[in-house]
Amino acid sequence: MSERNFRNIYNLSDEQLEELDKAEEMLESQHLNGAEKLLLEMLEKSPKCIPVLNNLGVLYGKYFLEYEKAISYYNQVLDLEPGNEWARNERRRYERYTTY
């Protein structure tokens, strides 16, 4: 595995980091169904993985416009990490579009 230029604060395995990179590349290249499948498989293996939950929030909010689903993923992040301001701000953004 190549050297990473960030601190791995969630102690993700090399496999998880590689899968997250792959999912994010899929999002950027609009392979949304593939990204969804990969992220959901990752979530099944690690249901409390904050980076996976955040990426699912992005997928459902930004790309699929399924705001309630995005909010539910950000709520899970905030249950695990109440001080996560990024998730709080993203959740707030999507709450504007719903009556959730």
N, C-alpha and C. Protein backbone atom coordinates (compact mmCIF):
# COMPACT_ATOMS: atom_id res chain seq x y z
N MET A 1 0.85 -1.18 0.00
CA MET A 1 0.00 0.00 0.00
C MET A 1 0.88 1.23 0.00
N SER A 2 0.54 2.21 -0.77
CA SER A 2 1.33 3.44 -0.84
C SER A 2 1.13 4.27 0.42
N GLU A 3 2.09 5.15 0.65
CA GLU A 3 2.03 6.04 1.81
C GLU A 3 0.87 7.02 1.64
N ARG A 4 0.11 7.21 2.70
CA ARG A 4 -1.05 8.12 2.65
C ARG A 4 -0.66 9.45 3.28
N ASN A 5 -1.26 10.52 2.77
CA ASN A 5 -0.96 11.87 3.25
C ASN A 5 -2.00 12.38 4.23
N PHE A 6 -2.56 11.51 5.04
CA PHE A 6 -3.53 11.92 6.04
C PHE A 6 -3.44 10.99 7.23
N ARG A 7 -3.99 11.43 8.33
CA ARG A 7 -4.02 10.61 9.53
C ARG A 7 -5.24 9.71 9.48
N ASN A 8 -5.06 8.46 9.69
CA ASN A 8 -6.13 7.46 9.63
C ASN A 8 -6.81 7.42 11.01
N ILE A 9 -7.62 8.44 11.30
CA ILE A 9 -8.18 8.58 12.65
C ILE A 9 -9.22 7.51 12.98
N TYR A 10 -9.77 6.85 11.97
CA TYR A 10 -10.75 5.80 12.21
C TYR A 10 -10.14 4.41 12.19
N ASN A 11 -8.81 4.35 12.09
CA ASN A 11 -8.09 3.08 12.08
C ASN A 11 -8.64 2.10 11.05
N LEU A 12 -8.88 2.61 9.86
CA LEU A 12 -9.39 1.77 8.78
C LEU A 12 -8.28 0.87 8.25
N SER A 13 -8.66 -0.32 7.85
CA SER A 13 -7.69 -1.24 7.26
C SER A 13 -7.31 -0.75 5.87
N ASP A 14 -6.21 -1.29 5.34
CA ASP A 14 -5.82 -0.95 3.97
C ASP A 14 -6.94 -1.30 2.99
N GLU A 15 -7.60 -2.44 3.23
CA GLU A 15 -8.71 -2.85 2.36
C GLU A 15 -9.84 -1.82 2.40
N GLN A 16 -10.19 -1.35 3.60
CA GLN A 16 -11.26 -0.36 3.71
C GLN A 16 -10.86 0.94 3.00
N LEU A 17 -9.62 1.36 3.19
CA LEU A 17 -9.16 2.58 2.53
C LEU A 17 -9.21 2.45 1.02
N GLU A 18 -8.80 1.31 0.51
CA GLU A 18 -8.84 1.08 -0.94
C GLU A 18 -10.27 1.06 -1.45
N GLU A 19 -11.17 0.42 -0.70
CA GLU A 19 -12.57 0.37 -1.12
C GLU A 19 -13.20 1.76 -1.07
N LEU A 20 -12.88 2.55 -0.06
CA LEU A 20 -13.39 3.92 0.01
C LEU A 20 -12.88 4.75 -1.17
N ASP A 21 -11.59 4.60 -1.48
CA ASP A 21 -11.05 5.30 -2.66
C ASP A 21 -11.80 4.91 -3.92
N LYS A 22 -12.05 3.62 -4.07
CA LYS A 22 -12.76 3.12 -5.25
C LYS A 22 -14.19 3.69 -5.30
N ALA A 23 -14.87 3.69 -4.16
CA ALA A 23 -16.24 4.22 -4.11
C ALA A 23 -16.26 5.71 -4.45
N GLU A 24 -15.30 6.46 -3.93
CA GLU A 24 -15.25 7.89 -4.22
C GLU A 24 -14.94 8.15 -5.69
N GLU A 25 -14.07 7.33 -6.28
CA GLU A 25 -13.81 7.45 -7.72
C GLU A 25 -15.07 7.16 -8.52
N MET A 26 -15.83 6.17 -8.08
CA MET A 26 -17.09 5.85 -8.77
C MET A 26 -18.06 7.03 -8.68
N LEU A 27 -18.13 7.67 -7.52
CA LEU A 27 -19.01 8.83 -7.37
C LEU A 27 -18.59 9.93 -8.34
N GLU A 28 -17.29 10.21 -8.38
CA GLU A 28 -16.79 11.27 -9.25
C GLU A 28 -17.03 10.98 -10.72
N SER A 29 -17.00 9.72 -11.10
CA SER A 29 -17.21 9.36 -12.50
C SER A 29 -18.65 8.97 -12.80
N GLN A 30 -19.55 9.23 -11.83
CA GLN A 30 -20.98 9.01 -12.00
C GLN A 30 -21.37 7.54 -12.15
N HIS A 31 -20.58 6.64 -11.62
CA HIS A 31 -20.95 5.22 -11.55
C HIS A 31 -21.65 5.00 -10.21
N LEU A 32 -22.82 5.59 -10.12
CA LEU A 32 -23.51 5.71 -8.83
C LEU A 32 -24.02 4.39 -8.30
N ASN A 33 -24.56 3.54 -9.16
CA ASN A 33 -25.06 2.25 -8.68
C ASN A 33 -23.94 1.37 -8.17
N GLY A 34 -22.80 1.42 -8.83
CA GLY A 34 -21.64 0.66 -8.37
C GLY A 34 -21.13 1.18 -7.03
N ALA A 35 -21.09 2.50 -6.89
CA ALA A 35 -20.67 3.11 -5.62
C ALA A 35 -21.62 2.73 -4.50
N GLU A 36 -22.91 2.77 -4.80
CA GLU A 36 -23.91 2.40 -3.78
C GLU A 36 -23.72 0.95 -3.35
N LYS A 37 -23.56 0.06 -4.30
CA LYS A 37 -23.39 -1.36 -3.99
C LYS A 37 -22.15 -1.57 -3.12
N LEU A 38 -21.05 -0.96 -3.50
CA LEU A 38 -19.80 -1.11 -2.75
C LEU A 38 -19.94 -0.54 -1.34
N LEU A 39 -20.51 0.65 -1.21
CA LEU A 39 -20.65 1.27 0.11
C LEU A 39 -21.58 0.47 1.01
N LEU A 40 -22.67 -0.06 0.45
CA LEU A 40 -23.59 -0.85 1.26
C LEU A 40 -22.94 -2.17 1.71
N GLU A 41 -22.11 -2.76 0.84
CA GLU A 41 -21.37 -3.96 1.24
C GLU A 41 -20.39 -3.64 2.36
N MET A 42 -19.73 -2.50 2.25
CA MET A 42 -18.80 -2.09 3.30
C MET A 42 -19.53 -1.84 4.60
N LEU A 43 -20.71 -1.23 4.51
CA LEU A 43 -21.49 -0.94 5.71
C LEU A 43 -21.96 -2.22 6.38
N GLU A 44 -22.28 -3.22 5.58
CA GLU A 44 -22.70 -4.50 6.14
C GLU A 44 -21.57 -5.12 6.97
N LYS A 45 -20.34 -4.98 6.50
CA LYS A 45 -19.18 -5.52 7.21
C LYS A 45 -18.83 -4.69 8.45
N SER A 46 -19.03 -3.37 8.35
CA SER A 46 -18.66 -2.44 9.43
C SER A 46 -19.76 -1.41 9.60
N PRO A 47 -20.84 -1.76 10.32
CA PRO A 47 -22.01 -0.88 10.41
C PRO A 47 -21.78 0.46 11.11
N LYS A 48 -20.66 0.61 11.78
CA LYS A 48 -20.39 1.87 12.48
C LYS A 48 -19.22 2.63 11.85
N CYS A 49 -18.94 2.35 10.60
CA CYS A 49 -17.82 3.00 9.91
C CYS A 49 -18.24 4.39 9.45
N ILE A 50 -17.76 5.40 10.14
CA ILE A 50 -18.17 6.78 9.87
C ILE A 50 -17.87 7.22 8.44
N PRO A 51 -16.70 6.94 7.88
CA PRO A 51 -16.48 7.36 6.49
C PRO A 51 -17.45 6.73 5.50
N VAL A 52 -17.84 5.49 5.73
CA VAL A 52 -18.82 4.84 4.85
C VAL A 52 -20.18 5.51 5.02
N LEU A 53 -20.59 5.75 6.25
CA LEU A 53 -21.87 6.41 6.51
C LEU A 53 -21.90 7.80 5.87
N ASN A 54 -20.81 8.55 6.00
CA ASN A 54 -20.74 9.87 5.38
C ASN A 54 -20.84 9.79 3.87
N ASN A 55 -20.14 8.84 3.27
CA ASN A 55 -20.20 8.70 1.82
C ASN A 55 -21.60 8.29 1.35
N LEU A 56 -22.28 7.48 2.12
CA LEU A 56 -23.66 7.14 1.77
C LEU A 56 -24.55 8.37 1.87
N GLY A 57 -24.30 9.22 2.85
CA GLY A 57 -25.04 10.48 2.95
C GLY A 57 -24.83 11.33 1.71
N VAL A 58 -23.59 11.42 1.26
CA VAL A 58 -23.28 12.17 0.04
C VAL A 58 -24.00 11.55 -1.16
N LEU A 59 -23.90 10.24 -1.29
CA LEU A 59 -24.52 9.55 -2.42
C LEU A 59 -26.01 9.83 -2.49
N TYR A 60 -26.70 9.63 -1.37
CA TYR A 60 -28.15 9.78 -1.39
C TYR A 60 -28.58 11.24 -1.43
N GLY A 61 -27.85 12.13 -0.82
CA GLY A 61 -28.23 13.54 -0.82
C GLY A 61 -27.87 14.25 -2.11
N LYS A 62 -26.60 14.20 -2.47
CA LYS A 62 -26.10 14.96 -3.62
C LYS A 62 -26.44 14.33 -4.96
N TYR A 63 -26.36 13.01 -5.04
CA TYR A 63 -26.50 12.35 -6.34
C TYR A 63 -27.89 11.79 -6.60
N PHE A 64 -28.48 11.13 -5.59
CA PHE A 64 -29.79 10.51 -5.80
C PHE A 64 -30.95 11.42 -5.37
N LEU A 65 -30.64 12.52 -4.69
CA LEU A 65 -31.65 13.46 -4.21
C LEU A 65 -32.68 12.78 -3.30
N GLU A 66 -32.23 11.77 -2.58
CA GLU A 66 -33.06 11.06 -1.60
C GLU A 66 -32.67 11.60 -0.23
N TYR A 67 -33.25 12.77 0.08
CA TYR A 67 -32.81 13.53 1.24
C TYR A 67 -33.06 12.82 2.57
N GLU A 68 -34.19 12.12 2.67
CA GLU A 68 -34.47 11.42 3.93
C GLU A 68 -33.42 10.35 4.21
N LYS A 69 -33.00 9.63 3.16
CA LYS A 69 -31.96 8.62 3.34
C LYS A 69 -30.65 9.28 3.74
N ALA A 70 -30.32 10.37 3.08
CA ALA A 70 -29.08 11.08 3.41
C ALA A 70 -29.11 11.51 4.87
N ILE A 71 -30.22 12.07 5.30
CA ILE A 71 -30.36 12.51 6.68
C ILE A 71 -30.20 11.35 7.65
N SER A 72 -30.77 10.20 7.30
CA SER A 72 -30.66 9.05 8.20
C SER A 72 -29.21 8.60 8.35
N TYR A 73 -28.42 8.66 7.27
CA TYR A 73 -27.00 8.29 7.39
C TYR A 73 -26.24 9.33 8.21
N TYR A 74 -26.54 10.61 8.01
CA TYR A 74 -25.87 11.62 8.83
C TYR A 74 -26.29 11.52 10.29
N ASN A 75 -27.53 11.13 10.55
CA ASN A 75 -27.95 10.91 11.94
C ASN A 75 -27.14 9.78 12.58
N GLN A 76 -26.89 8.73 11.82
CA GLN A 76 -26.08 7.63 12.35
C GLN A 76 -24.66 8.10 12.67
N VAL A 77 -24.10 8.94 11.80
CA VAL A 77 -22.77 9.49 12.07
C VAL A 77 -22.81 10.28 13.37
N LEU A 78 -23.81 11.12 13.51
CA LEU A 78 -23.89 11.97 14.69
C LEU A 78 -24.19 11.19 15.97
N ASP A 79 -24.87 10.07 15.85
CA ASP A 79 -25.05 9.20 17.02
C ASP A 79 -23.71 8.64 17.48
N LEU A 80 -22.85 8.31 16.52
CA LEU A 80 -21.54 7.74 16.83
C LEU A 80 -20.52 8.81 17.20
N GLU A 81 -20.65 9.97 16.58
CA GLU A 81 -19.67 11.04 16.76
C GLU A 81 -20.41 12.38 16.83
N PRO A 82 -20.98 12.70 17.98
CA PRO A 82 -21.83 13.89 18.11
C PRO A 82 -21.16 15.20 17.70
N GLY A 83 -19.85 15.28 17.76
CA GLY A 83 -19.15 16.51 17.41
C GLY A 83 -18.79 16.63 15.95
N ASN A 84 -19.28 15.76 15.10
CA ASN A 84 -18.93 15.78 13.68
C ASN A 84 -19.69 16.92 12.99
N GLU A 85 -19.02 18.07 12.89
CA GLU A 85 -19.67 19.26 12.33
C GLU A 85 -19.98 19.11 10.84
N TRP A 86 -19.14 18.38 10.12
CA TRP A 86 -19.41 18.20 8.69
C TRP A 86 -20.73 17.47 8.50
N ALA A 87 -20.93 16.37 9.23
CA ALA A 87 -22.18 15.61 9.11
C ALA A 87 -23.36 16.46 9.56
N ARG A 88 -23.17 17.25 10.61
CA ARG A 88 -24.26 18.12 11.10
C ARG A 88 -24.65 19.14 10.04
N ASN A 89 -23.65 19.74 9.39
CA ASN A 89 -23.94 20.74 8.36
C ASN A 89 -24.61 20.11 7.14
N GLU A 90 -24.15 18.94 6.74
CA GLU A 90 -24.77 18.26 5.60
C GLU A 90 -26.20 17.86 5.92
N ARG A 91 -26.42 17.35 7.13
CA ARG A 91 -27.79 16.99 7.52
C ARG A 91 -28.69 18.22 7.49
N ARG A 92 -28.19 19.32 8.01
CA ARG A 92 -28.97 20.57 8.03
C ARG A 92 -29.32 21.00 6.60
N ARG A 93 -28.36 20.85 5.69
CA ARG A 93 -28.61 21.22 4.29
C ARG A 93 -29.79 20.44 3.72
N TYR A 94 -29.81 19.12 3.95
CA TYR A 94 -30.85 18.29 3.36
C TYR A 94 -32.17 18.39 4.10
N GLU A 95 -32.12 18.77 5.37
CA GLU A 95 -33.38 18.97 6.10
C GLU A 95 -34.19 20.11 5.51
N ARG A 96 -33.53 21.04 4.87
CA ARG A 96 -34.24 22.17 4.23
C ARG A 96 -35.17 21.71 3.12
N TYR A 97 -34.84 20.56 2.53
CA TYR A 97 -35.62 20.06 1.39
C TYR A 97 -36.69 19.06 1.77
N THR A 98 -36.82 18.79 3.04
CA THR A 98 -37.77 17.75 3.47
C THR A 98 -38.67 18.26 4.57
N THR A 99 -39.63 17.47 4.87
CA THR A 99 -40.46 17.70 6.05
C THR A 99 -40.16 16.61 7.07
N TYR A 100 -38.95 16.03 6.96
CA TYR A 100 -38.45 14.93 7.78
C TYR A 100 -38.58 15.19 9.24
